[in-house]
Amino acid sequence: MFKALALLLLVVSCGLQAQPALHTDLPLDYLAHADEQARNRPLVIFLHGSGGSEQDLFDLKDELPSDYNYLSVRAPKTVERGQYQWFAKKGEGAYDGDTADLRASGQMLLDFIEKARIKYPTDASNVYLVGFSQGAMMSYEVALRHPEAVGGIAALGGRVLSVLRAELTPDESRRTLAVFIGHGTADTVIPYHDGTEADSFLKTLALEPEFHAYPGVGHSVSAMQVRDLRAWLERLNP
């Protein structure tokens, strides 16, 4: 009996230890796999999609460069318990977002990035947003409006929202942004052409995105995407 109880306590203890701690000291709640003492270590910030949570992309860190810091952020708007979003979807047809939500979430994310760079000391040029779906849309929202805040973005299964397209003005500082776009050709939530249109639009801003198509992949992050993302990050910081 005592042996069984000890084994049960060990299993429970290991399970508890396996759950990463939720940090609440910055403008958005987040998970961290990071060294606060390391200086100028590249910082990747994961942004999940609608209805997801900070847990969704966090395990990608295990497949990405080991010498980076990783944070995974919880979006500020609650859908229901354990599910969050960056903005409410607006209207029918092509995926678009509520303008007030976009501005509020964009500002919170911008504040988060600034304070995270202080806590995990690094230059803005070493910060990379990696977003899926709505998280990819928020990556575009923040980086294209505030290119001085980050060094680059990886947009997986996302699109550039119409309000952002309409409000962008020329900005030479955008030329320094590194951009990775990955999109599945079988995506029925955010159609593949949204990814190719984002690629074309960014080129009109004098950016040079690295675009990857994933044949047969739906609205998800495939193993091949992760391998390509790792290679992209390694090229940015050889």
Protein backbone atom coordinates (compact mmCIF):
# COMPACT_ATOMS: atom_id res chain seq x y z
CA MET A 1 0.00 0.00 0.00
CA PHE A 2 2.73 2.45 0.99
CA LYS A 3 4.69 1.64 -2.14
CA ALA A 4 1.60 2.27 -4.29
CA LEU A 5 0.95 5.58 -2.52
CA ALA A 6 4.57 6.66 -2.96
CA LEU A 7 4.42 5.80 -6.65
CA LEU A 8 1.18 7.78 -7.05
CA LEU A 9 2.71 10.81 -5.33
CA LEU A 10 5.76 10.55 -7.58
CA VAL A 11 3.61 10.45 -10.72
CA VAL A 12 1.53 13.43 -9.54
CA SER A 13 4.69 15.34 -8.62
CA CYS A 14 6.25 14.70 -12.03
CA GLY A 15 3.03 15.75 -13.74
CA LEU A 16 2.95 19.00 -11.80
CA GLN A 17 6.56 19.73 -12.58
CA ALA A 18 5.93 19.14 -16.28
CA GLN A 19 3.42 22.01 -16.42
CA PRO A 20 5.20 25.29 -17.20
CA ALA A 21 4.40 28.19 -14.91
CA LEU A 22 2.17 30.99 -16.18
CA HIS A 23 3.91 34.34 -15.75
CA THR A 24 1.78 37.40 -15.00
CA ASP A 25 4.37 40.15 -14.49
CA LEU A 26 4.16 41.65 -18.01
CA PRO A 27 1.20 43.27 -19.84
CA LEU A 28 0.10 39.86 -21.19
CA ASP A 29 0.26 36.49 -19.42
CA TYR A 30 2.84 34.11 -20.86
CA LEU A 31 4.93 30.97 -20.59
CA ALA A 32 8.70 31.23 -20.63
CA HIS A 33 11.66 29.08 -21.53
CA ALA A 34 14.29 31.76 -21.13
CA ASP A 35 17.38 32.91 -19.27
CA GLU A 36 17.02 36.37 -17.71
CA GLN A 37 20.79 36.61 -17.24
CA ALA A 38 21.71 36.07 -20.90
CA ARG A 39 22.26 39.31 -22.81
CA ASN A 40 21.32 39.84 -26.47
CA ARG A 41 20.08 36.29 -26.83
CA PRO A 42 17.49 36.15 -29.67
CA LEU A 43 13.94 36.24 -28.31
CA VAL A 44 11.07 34.38 -30.00
CA ILE A 45 7.52 35.31 -28.97
CA PHE A 46 4.79 32.82 -29.94
CA LEU A 47 1.29 34.16 -30.71
CA HIS A 48 -1.51 31.57 -30.81
CA GLY A 49 -4.65 31.57 -32.96
CA SER A 50 -8.29 32.29 -32.14
CA GLY A 51 -9.73 29.96 -29.49
CA GLY A 52 -6.29 28.78 -28.48
CA SER A 53 -4.00 29.54 -25.56
CA GLU A 54 -0.39 30.14 -24.65
CA GLN A 55 0.10 26.35 -24.53
CA ASP A 56 -0.57 25.83 -28.25
CA LEU A 57 2.78 26.79 -29.79
CA PHE A 58 5.01 26.54 -26.74
CA ASP A 59 6.33 23.07 -27.51
CA LEU A 60 7.71 24.32 -30.85
CA LYS A 61 10.64 25.64 -28.82
CA ASP A 62 11.93 22.07 -28.56
CA GLU A 63 12.34 21.93 -32.36
CA LEU A 64 13.85 25.41 -32.76
CA PRO A 65 17.36 26.74 -31.97
CA SER A 66 18.38 25.83 -28.42
CA ASP A 67 20.28 29.07 -27.80
CA TYR A 68 17.19 31.33 -28.10
CA ASN A 69 14.83 32.59 -25.41
CA TYR A 70 11.16 31.64 -25.94
CA LEU A 71 7.97 33.23 -24.63
CA SER A 72 4.44 32.12 -25.50
CA VAL A 73 1.75 34.76 -24.96
CA ARG A 74 -1.93 34.45 -24.03
CA ALA A 75 -4.21 36.69 -26.10
CA PRO A 76 -6.13 39.25 -23.98
CA LYS A 77 -9.73 38.47 -24.97
CA THR A 78 -11.43 35.44 -23.38
CA VAL A 79 -13.67 33.32 -25.60
CA GLU A 80 -14.43 30.84 -22.83
CA ARG A 81 -12.43 29.13 -20.11
CA GLY A 82 -9.04 28.17 -21.53
CA GLN A 83 -9.71 29.75 -24.92
CA TYR A 84 -8.57 33.21 -25.98
CA GLN A 85 -8.44 35.47 -29.02
CA TRP A 86 -6.70 38.64 -30.13
CA PHE A 87 -9.73 40.18 -31.77
CA ALA A 88 -13.32 39.46 -32.71
CA LYS A 89 -13.91 38.48 -36.31
CA LYS A 90 -15.84 41.14 -38.23
CA GLY A 91 -18.52 40.39 -40.82
CA GLU A 92 -18.75 37.56 -43.31
CA GLY A 93 -16.53 36.63 -46.22
CA ALA A 94 -12.79 37.23 -46.06
CA TYR A 95 -11.35 37.04 -42.56
CA ASP A 96 -11.25 40.50 -41.00
CA GLY A 97 -11.02 41.88 -37.49
CA ASP A 98 -12.76 44.37 -35.24
CA THR A 99 -10.74 47.59 -35.49
CA ALA A 100 -11.03 48.52 -31.79
CA ASP A 101 -9.87 45.02 -30.77
CA LEU A 102 -6.93 45.19 -33.16
CA ARG A 103 -5.77 48.52 -31.79
CA ALA A 104 -6.14 47.46 -28.16
CA SER A 105 -4.45 44.09 -28.62
CA GLY A 106 -1.76 45.60 -30.82
CA GLN A 107 -0.89 48.15 -28.15
CA MET A 108 -0.82 45.50 -25.42
CA LEU A 109 1.44 43.32 -27.54
CA LEU A 110 3.71 46.26 -28.29
CA ASP A 111 3.96 47.04 -24.57
CA PHE A 112 4.63 43.36 -23.86
CA ILE A 113 7.50 43.26 -26.35
CA GLU A 114 9.11 46.37 -24.87
CA LYS A 115 8.95 45.09 -21.31
CA ALA A 116 10.01 41.57 -22.30
CA ARG A 117 13.15 43.02 -23.91
CA ILE A 118 13.98 44.61 -20.55
CA LYS A 119 13.35 41.46 -18.52
CA TYR A 120 15.18 39.25 -21.03
CA PRO A 121 17.79 41.80 -22.18
CA THR A 122 18.07 41.94 -25.95
CA ASP A 123 17.91 44.41 -28.81
CA ALA A 124 14.70 44.91 -30.79
CA SER A 125 16.51 43.52 -33.84
CA ASN A 126 16.77 40.19 -32.00
CA VAL A 127 13.02 39.86 -31.34
CA TYR A 128 10.97 37.57 -33.61
CA LEU A 129 7.20 37.13 -33.51
CA VAL A 130 6.02 33.66 -34.55
CA GLY A 131 2.27 33.65 -35.02
CA PHE A 132 -0.32 31.14 -36.21
CA SER A 133 -3.66 32.21 -37.76
CA GLN A 134 -4.86 35.21 -35.68
CA GLY A 135 -1.40 35.25 -34.13
CA ALA A 136 0.08 35.63 -37.62
CA MET A 137 -2.32 38.50 -38.30
CA MET A 138 -1.21 40.19 -35.07
CA SER A 139 2.42 39.69 -36.10
CA TYR A 140 1.71 41.64 -39.29
CA GLU A 141 -0.31 44.22 -37.35
CA VAL A 142 2.47 45.04 -34.90
CA ALA A 143 5.54 44.61 -37.09
CA LEU A 144 4.26 46.54 -40.10
CA ARG A 145 2.97 49.42 -37.98
CA HIS A 146 5.98 49.43 -35.64
CA PRO A 147 8.94 47.94 -37.53
CA GLU A 148 11.34 49.36 -34.97
CA ALA A 149 9.92 47.00 -32.31
CA VAL A 150 11.06 43.67 -33.80
CA GLY A 151 13.65 42.15 -36.07
CA GLY A 152 11.28 39.87 -37.92
CA ILE A 153 8.10 37.84 -38.00
CA ALA A 154 7.01 34.36 -39.03
CA ALA A 155 3.39 34.26 -40.19
CA LEU A 156 1.95 30.73 -40.31
CA GLY A 157 -1.50 30.32 -41.86
CA GLY A 158 -2.34 34.03 -41.64
CA ARG A 159 -3.24 37.06 -43.72
CA VAL A 160 -2.73 40.83 -43.78
CA LEU A 161 -6.03 42.32 -42.62
CA SER A 162 -7.74 44.93 -44.80
CA VAL A 163 -7.64 47.69 -42.19
CA LEU A 164 -3.88 47.31 -41.96
CA ARG A 165 -3.46 47.43 -45.73
CA ALA A 166 -5.56 50.59 -45.91
CA GLU A 167 -3.71 52.45 -43.15
CA LEU A 168 -0.07 51.67 -43.92
CA THR A 169 2.12 54.51 -45.13
CA PRO A 170 5.64 54.26 -46.57
CA ASP A 171 8.29 53.64 -43.92
CA GLU A 172 11.92 53.02 -44.77
CA SER A 173 12.53 51.25 -41.47
CA ARG A 174 10.37 48.34 -42.68
CA ARG A 175 13.11 47.33 -45.10
CA THR A 176 15.04 45.77 -42.23
CA LEU A 177 12.23 43.36 -41.28
CA ALA A 178 12.86 39.69 -41.88
CA VAL A 179 9.64 37.87 -42.85
CA PHE A 180 8.85 34.16 -43.08
CA ILE A 181 5.46 33.14 -44.52
CA GLY A 182 4.26 29.55 -44.35
CA HIS A 183 0.85 28.43 -45.65
CA GLY A 184 -0.80 25.11 -46.37
CA THR A 185 -2.35 24.76 -49.81
CA ALA A 186 -5.34 22.87 -48.33
CA ASP A 187 -6.14 25.49 -45.68
CA THR A 188 -9.91 26.08 -45.66
CA VAL A 189 -9.97 28.48 -42.68
CA ILE A 190 -7.47 31.05 -43.97
CA PRO A 191 -7.25 30.11 -47.67
CA TYR A 192 -3.87 29.60 -49.32
CA HIS A 193 -4.37 32.67 -51.54
CA ASP A 194 -4.37 34.82 -48.38
CA GLY A 195 -0.78 33.72 -47.86
CA THR A 196 0.26 34.43 -51.44
CA GLU A 197 -1.50 37.82 -51.31
CA ALA A 198 0.38 38.68 -48.13
CA ASP A 199 3.63 37.77 -49.89
CA SER A 200 2.77 39.99 -52.87
CA PHE A 201 1.61 42.87 -50.66
CA LEU A 202 4.78 42.85 -48.57
CA LYS A 203 6.84 43.03 -51.73
CA THR A 204 5.07 46.31 -52.60
CA LEU A 205 6.47 47.61 -49.29
CA ALA A 206 10.00 46.75 -50.47
CA LEU A 207 10.17 43.72 -48.18
CA GLU A 208 11.56 40.37 -49.27
CA PRO A 209 9.50 37.65 -47.58
CA GLU A 210 10.67 34.06 -47.54
CA PHE A 211 7.52 32.27 -48.72
CA HIS A 212 6.87 28.56 -48.26
CA ALA A 213 3.89 26.61 -49.62
CA TYR A 214 3.00 23.28 -47.99
CA PRO A 215 1.07 21.02 -50.39
CA GLY A 216 -1.87 19.22 -48.84
CA VAL A 217 -1.49 20.89 -45.43
CA GLY A 218 -4.62 22.42 -43.89
CA HIS A 219 -4.98 25.00 -41.13
CA SER A 220 -2.18 23.66 -38.97
CA VAL A 221 1.55 23.82 -38.33
CA SER A 222 3.27 20.91 -40.06
CA ALA A 223 6.60 19.32 -39.23
CA MET A 224 8.03 20.68 -42.48
CA GLN A 225 6.98 24.20 -41.53
CA VAL A 226 8.79 23.86 -38.23
CA ARG A 227 11.95 22.61 -39.97
CA ASP A 228 11.84 25.54 -42.40
CA LEU A 229 11.19 27.95 -39.53
CA ARG A 230 14.19 26.62 -37.65
CA ALA A 231 16.41 27.05 -40.70
CA TRP A 232 15.14 30.63 -41.15
CA LEU A 233 15.90 31.52 -37.53
CA GLU A 234 19.35 29.97 -37.79
CA ARG A 235 20.13 32.03 -40.89
CA LEU A 236 19.14 35.20 -39.06
CA ASN A 237 21.55 34.47 -36.22
CA PRO A 238 24.32 32.24 -37.61
